[in-house]
């Protein structure tokens, strides 16, 4: 009888260990997937937005799953240099090209522009049709001239690299 009880105890302990091990593996998979999702989101999101989400929003969850203390959206004032980039002649171009060629061309063109903005330390804030807005934050008012210079140098580099861009090639 003692042997049967010990065997029963060991089988329950083993089953519990297997379940716990399975839960641990499942949680590891969930964590990896979450990390992959966060990396993907971060790769498509301006640094200023990532910074705001990680420092300003605090979400806590109760035992019932309710969200407490959610502080988004919020207003943040800061000094920065802005760059507005617009595709010259886009309206005419859009009437002359088929949708697929136009889409490939604009995506390729914006890729060049986004690479220039990020390589000059800026963040793309918004795409608006055939235009985009980029920002260079000044950490303090005394840094605004430096941010403005970086935006201007970026604008000049975009003009230099993109002014003779060939559409549909």
C-alpha atoms as a PDB file:
ATOM      1  CA  UNK A   1       0.000   0.000   0.000  1.00  0.00           C
ATOM      2  CA  UNK A   2       2.845   2.423   0.796  1.00  0.00           C
ATOM      3  CA  UNK A   3       4.492   1.502  -2.488  1.00  0.00           C
ATOM      4  CA  UNK A   4       1.216   2.180  -4.355  1.00  0.00           C
ATOM      5  CA  UNK A   5       0.853   5.565  -2.614  1.00  0.00           C
ATOM      6  CA  UNK A   6       4.473   6.450  -3.424  1.00  0.00           C
ATOM      7  CA  UNK A   7       3.956   5.432  -7.055  1.00  0.00           C
ATOM      8  CA  UNK A   8       0.761   7.512  -7.226  1.00  0.00           C
ATOM      9  CA  UNK A   9       2.559  10.496  -5.657  1.00  0.00           C
ATOM     10  CA  UNK A  10       5.482  10.190  -8.101  1.00  0.00           C
ATOM     11  CA  UNK A  11       3.172   9.958 -11.108  1.00  0.00           C
ATOM     12  CA  UNK A  12       1.344  13.128 -10.016  1.00  0.00           C
ATOM     13  CA  UNK A  13       4.645  14.861  -9.370  1.00  0.00           C
ATOM     14  CA  UNK A  14       5.916  13.836 -12.807  1.00  0.00           C
ATOM     15  CA  UNK A  15       2.673  14.955 -14.468  1.00  0.00           C
ATOM     16  CA  UNK A  16       2.878  18.298 -12.679  1.00  0.00           C
ATOM     17  CA  UNK A  17       6.519  18.661 -13.741  1.00  0.00           C
ATOM     18  CA  UNK A  18       5.587  17.928 -17.387  1.00  0.00           C
ATOM     19  CA  UNK A  19       2.745  20.472 -17.255  1.00  0.00           C
ATOM     20  CA  UNK A  20       5.020  23.047 -15.645  1.00  0.00           C
ATOM     21  CA  UNK A  21       7.712  22.365 -18.249  1.00  0.00           C
ATOM     22  CA  UNK A  22       5.126  22.663 -21.035  1.00  0.00           C
ATOM     23  CA  UNK A  23       3.837  25.952 -19.588  1.00  0.00           C
ATOM     24  CA  UNK A  24       7.401  27.250 -19.374  1.00  0.00           C
ATOM     25  CA  UNK A  25       8.080  26.357 -23.034  1.00  0.00           C
ATOM     26  CA  UNK A  26       4.766  27.918 -24.063  1.00  0.00           C
ATOM     27  CA  UNK A  27       5.600  31.111 -22.156  1.00  0.00           C
ATOM     28  CA  UNK A  28       9.051  31.210 -23.788  1.00  0.00           C
ATOM     29  CA  UNK A  29       7.431  30.943 -27.231  1.00  0.00           C
ATOM     30  CA  UNK A  30       4.958  33.705 -26.344  1.00  0.00           C
ATOM     31  CA  UNK A  31       7.817  35.921 -25.130  1.00  0.00           C
ATOM     32  CA  UNK A  32       9.828  35.321 -28.323  1.00  0.00           C
ATOM     33  CA  UNK A  33       6.799  36.126 -30.494  1.00  0.00           C
ATOM     34  CA  UNK A  34       6.113  39.275 -28.489  1.00  0.00           C
ATOM     35  CA  UNK A  35       9.752  40.343 -28.836  1.00  0.00           C
ATOM     36  CA  UNK A  36       9.602  39.727 -32.615  1.00  0.00           C
ATOM     37  CA  UNK A  37       6.403  41.786 -32.845  1.00  0.00           C
ATOM     38  CA  UNK A  38       7.951  44.627 -30.866  1.00  0.00           C
ATOM     39  CA  UNK A  39      11.075  44.592 -33.074  1.00  0.00           C
ATOM     40  CA  UNK A  40       8.877  44.702 -36.200  1.00  0.00           C
ATOM     41  CA  UNK A  41       6.791  47.563 -34.784  1.00  0.00           C
ATOM     42  CA  UNK A  42       9.924  49.470 -33.772  1.00  0.00           C
ATOM     43  CA  UNK A  43      11.449  49.087 -37.224  1.00  0.00           C
ATOM     44  CA  UNK A  44       8.404  50.825 -38.748  1.00  0.00           C
ATOM     45  CA  UNK A  45       7.910  53.499 -36.101  1.00  0.00           C
ATOM     46  CA  UNK A  46       9.741  56.806 -35.589  1.00  0.00           C
ATOM     47  CA  UNK A  47      12.168  56.879 -32.659  1.00  0.00           C
ATOM     48  CA  UNK A  48      10.262  59.763 -31.079  1.00  0.00           C
ATOM     49  CA  UNK A  49       7.098  57.617 -30.959  1.00  0.00           C
ATOM     50  CA  UNK A  50       8.946  54.619 -29.494  1.00  0.00           C
ATOM     51  CA  UNK A  51      10.476  56.878 -26.868  1.00  0.00           C
ATOM     52  CA  UNK A  52       7.098  58.345 -25.984  1.00  0.00           C
ATOM     53  CA  UNK A  53       5.472  54.927 -25.733  1.00  0.00           C
ATOM     54  CA  UNK A  54       8.177  53.501 -23.514  1.00  0.00           C
ATOM     55  CA  UNK A  55       8.560  56.483 -21.176  1.00  0.00           C
ATOM     56  CA  UNK A  56       5.162  58.159 -21.026  1.00  0.00           C
ATOM     57  CA  UNK A  57       2.549  55.430 -21.217  1.00  0.00           C
ATOM     58  CA  UNK A  58       2.156  53.221 -18.212  1.00  0.00           C
ATOM     59  CA  UNK A  59      -0.325  50.415 -18.540  1.00  0.00           C
ATOM     60  CA  UNK A  60      -1.085  48.241 -15.582  1.00  0.00           C
ATOM     61  CA  UNK A  61      -3.497  45.357 -15.683  1.00  0.00           C
ATOM     62  CA  UNK A  62      -5.725  44.245 -12.860  1.00  0.00           C
ATOM     63  CA  UNK A  63      -6.456  40.580 -12.138  1.00  0.00           C
ATOM     64  CA  UNK A  64      -9.609  40.930 -14.229  1.00  0.00           C
ATOM     65  CA  UNK A  65      -7.675  42.240 -17.249  1.00  0.00           C
ATOM     66  CA  UNK A  66      -8.815  45.856 -16.932  1.00  0.00           C
ATOM     67  CA  UNK A  67      -6.338  48.550 -17.945  1.00  0.00           C
ATOM     68  CA  UNK A  68      -5.501  51.047 -15.224  1.00  0.00           C
ATOM     69  CA  UNK A  69      -3.629  54.356 -15.433  1.00  0.00           C
ATOM     70  CA  UNK A  70      -3.526  54.719 -19.196  1.00  0.00           C
ATOM     71  CA  UNK A  71      -2.196  58.184 -20.062  1.00  0.00           C
ATOM     72  CA  UNK A  72      -2.335  58.262 -23.857  1.00  0.00           C
ATOM     73  CA  UNK A  73      -2.758  60.415 -25.826  1.00  0.00           C
ATOM     74  CA  UNK A  74      -0.849  63.284 -24.326  1.00  0.00           C
ATOM     75  CA  UNK A  75       0.604  66.569 -25.450  1.00  0.00           C
ATOM     76  CA  UNK A  76       4.324  67.118 -25.537  1.00  0.00           C
ATOM     77  CA  UNK A  77       5.894  70.420 -26.498  1.00  0.00           C
ATOM     78  CA  UNK A  78       9.455  70.475 -27.714  1.00  0.00           C
ATOM     79  CA  UNK A  79      11.692  72.440 -30.011  1.00  0.00           C
ATOM     80  CA  UNK A  80      12.708  70.844 -33.263  1.00  0.00           C
ATOM     81  CA  UNK A  81      13.584  71.425 -36.879  1.00  0.00           C
ATOM     82  CA  UNK A  82      11.039  70.152 -39.398  1.00  0.00           C
ATOM     83  CA  UNK A  83      11.593  69.122 -42.989  1.00  0.00           C
ATOM     84  CA  UNK A  84       8.746  68.870 -45.477  1.00  0.00           C
ATOM     85  CA  UNK A  85       9.483  66.821 -48.607  1.00  0.00           C
ATOM     86  CA  UNK A  86       7.042  66.843 -51.513  1.00  0.00           C
ATOM     87  CA  UNK A  87       7.260  65.061 -54.864  1.00  0.00           C
ATOM     88  CA  UNK A  88       7.238  67.693 -57.559  1.00  0.00           C
ATOM     89  CA  UNK A  89       4.926  66.856 -60.474  1.00  0.00           C
ATOM     90  CA  UNK A  90       3.252  63.938 -58.726  1.00  0.00           C
ATOM     91  CA  UNK A  91      -0.275  64.799 -59.896  1.00  0.00           C
ATOM     92  CA  UNK A  92       0.766  64.734 -63.544  1.00  0.00           C
ATOM     93  CA  UNK A  93       2.797  61.574 -62.957  1.00  0.00           C
ATOM     94  CA  UNK A  94      -0.170  59.834 -61.354  1.00  0.00           C
ATOM     95  CA  UNK A  95      -2.255  60.369 -64.489  1.00  0.00           C
ATOM     96  CA  UNK A  96       0.453  59.016 -66.807  1.00  0.00           C
ATOM     97  CA  UNK A  97       1.472  55.802 -65.018  1.00  0.00           C
ATOM     98  CA  UNK A  98      -0.439  52.649 -64.248  1.00  0.00           C
ATOM     99  CA  UNK A  99      -1.113  51.971 -60.565  1.00  0.00           C
ATOM    100  CA  UNK A 100       1.515  49.239 -60.177  1.00  0.00           C
ATOM    101  CA  UNK A 101       4.323  51.281 -61.739  1.00  0.00           C
ATOM    102  CA  UNK A 102       3.343  54.364 -59.746  1.00  0.00           C
ATOM    103  CA  UNK A 103       3.202  52.374 -56.505  1.00  0.00           C
ATOM    104  CA  UNK A 104       6.619  50.768 -57.056  1.00  0.00           C
ATOM    105  CA  UNK A 105       8.145  54.099 -58.043  1.00  0.00           C
ATOM    106  CA  UNK A 106       6.808  56.049 -55.071  1.00  0.00           C
ATOM    107  CA  UNK A 107       7.787  53.291 -52.623  1.00  0.00           C
ATOM    108  CA  UNK A 108      11.321  53.181 -54.032  1.00  0.00           C
ATOM    109  CA  UNK A 109      11.530  56.987 -53.966  1.00  0.00           C
ATOM    110  CA  UNK A 110      10.310  57.211 -50.377  1.00  0.00           C
ATOM    111  CA  UNK A 111      12.776  54.500 -49.368  1.00  0.00           C
ATOM    112  CA  UNK A 112      15.619  56.724 -50.595  1.00  0.00           C
ATOM    113  CA  UNK A 113      14.212  59.701 -48.707  1.00  0.00           C
ATOM    114  CA  UNK A 114      13.589  57.783 -45.470  1.00  0.00           C
ATOM    115  CA  UNK A 115      17.137  56.384 -45.577  1.00  0.00           C
ATOM    116  CA  UNK A 116      18.500  59.939 -45.924  1.00  0.00           C
ATOM    117  CA  UNK A 117      16.368  61.235 -43.052  1.00  0.00           C
ATOM    118  CA  UNK A 118      17.388  58.438 -40.690  1.00  0.00           C
ATOM    119  CA  UNK A 119      21.063  58.599 -41.709  1.00  0.00           C
ATOM    120  CA  UNK A 120      21.023  62.313 -40.779  1.00  0.00           C
ATOM    121  CA  UNK A 121      19.500  61.565 -37.357  1.00  0.00           C
ATOM    122  CA  UNK A 122      15.903  62.544 -38.138  1.00  0.00           C
ATOM    123  CA  UNK A 123      12.591  60.802 -37.594  1.00  0.00           C
ATOM    124  CA  UNK A 124       9.879  60.531 -40.239  1.00  0.00           C
ATOM    125  CA  UNK A 125       6.732  61.733 -38.521  1.00  0.00           C
ATOM    126  CA  UNK A 126       4.137  61.359 -41.224  1.00  0.00           C
ATOM    127  CA  UNK A 127       3.513  60.423 -44.808  1.00  0.00           C
ATOM    128  CA  UNK A 128       0.818  62.487 -46.475  1.00  0.00           C
ATOM    129  CA  UNK A 129       0.106  61.364 -50.028  1.00  0.00           C
ATOM    130  CA  UNK A 130       3.186  62.320 -52.033  1.00  0.00           C
ATOM    131  CA  UNK A 131       4.873  64.134 -49.141  1.00  0.00           C
ATOM    132  CA  UNK A 132       6.440  63.428 -45.782  1.00  0.00           C
ATOM    133  CA  UNK A 133       7.308  65.323 -42.619  1.00  0.00           C
ATOM    134  CA  UNK A 134      10.549  64.659 -40.764  1.00  0.00           C
ATOM    135  CA  UNK A 135      11.759  65.997 -37.425  1.00  0.00           C
ATOM    136  CA  UNK A 136      15.079  66.652 -35.712  1.00  0.00           C
ATOM    137  CA  UNK A 137      14.512  67.247 -32.002  1.00  0.00           C
ATOM    138  CA  UNK A 138      16.569  69.763 -30.089  1.00  0.00           C
ATOM    139  CA  UNK A 139      17.246  68.462 -26.589  1.00  0.00           C
ATOM    140  CA  UNK A 140      17.516  72.066 -25.412  1.00  0.00           C
ATOM    141  CA  UNK A 141      16.916  75.493 -26.993  1.00  0.00           C
ATOM    142  CA  UNK A 142      20.674  75.911 -27.457  1.00  0.00           C
ATOM    143  CA  UNK A 143      20.707  72.759 -29.639  1.00  0.00           C
ATOM    144  CA  UNK A 144      18.067  74.061 -32.063  1.00  0.00           C
ATOM    145  CA  UNK A 145      20.625  75.536 -34.512  1.00  0.00           C
ATOM    146  CA  UNK A 146      22.363  72.142 -34.715  1.00  0.00           C
ATOM    147  CA  UNK A 147      19.040  70.357 -35.326  1.00  0.00           C
ATOM    148  CA  UNK A 148      18.157  72.918 -38.001  1.00  0.00           C
ATOM    149  CA  UNK A 149      21.520  72.425 -39.688  1.00  0.00           C
ATOM    150  CA  UNK A 150      21.048  68.625 -39.717  1.00  0.00           C
ATOM    151  CA  UNK A 151      17.592  69.033 -41.296  1.00  0.00           C
ATOM    152  CA  UNK A 152      18.961  71.444 -43.914  1.00  0.00           C
ATOM    153  CA  UNK A 153      21.886  69.149 -44.767  1.00  0.00           C
ATOM    154  CA  UNK A 154      19.434  66.275 -45.092  1.00  0.00           C
ATOM    155  CA  UNK A 155      17.185  68.320 -47.376  1.00  0.00           C
ATOM    156  CA  UNK A 156      20.169  69.181 -49.572  1.00  0.00           C
ATOM    157  CA  UNK A 157      21.211  65.509 -49.701  1.00  0.00           C
ATOM    158  CA  UNK A 158      17.675  64.485 -50.694  1.00  0.00           C
ATOM    159  CA  UNK A 159      17.631  67.115 -53.432  1.00  0.00           C
ATOM    160  CA  UNK A 160      21.047  65.964 -54.644  1.00  0.00           C
ATOM    161  CA  UNK A 161      20.174  62.250 -54.691  1.00  0.00           C
ATOM    162  CA  UNK A 162      16.572  62.448 -55.843  1.00  0.00           C
ATOM    163  CA  UNK A 163      16.339  65.383 -58.254  1.00  0.00           C
ATOM    164  CA  UNK A 164      17.086  63.200 -61.276  1.00  0.00           C
ATOM    165  CA  UNK A 165      15.234  60.112 -60.033  1.00  0.00           C
ATOM    166  CA  UNK A 166      13.979  58.038 -62.958  1.00  0.00           C
ATOM    167  CA  UNK A 167      10.416  56.816 -62.607  1.00  0.00           C
ATOM    168  CA  UNK A 168       9.520  53.320 -63.734  1.00  0.00           C
ATOM    169  CA  UNK A 169      13.083  52.026 -64.088  1.00  0.00           C
END
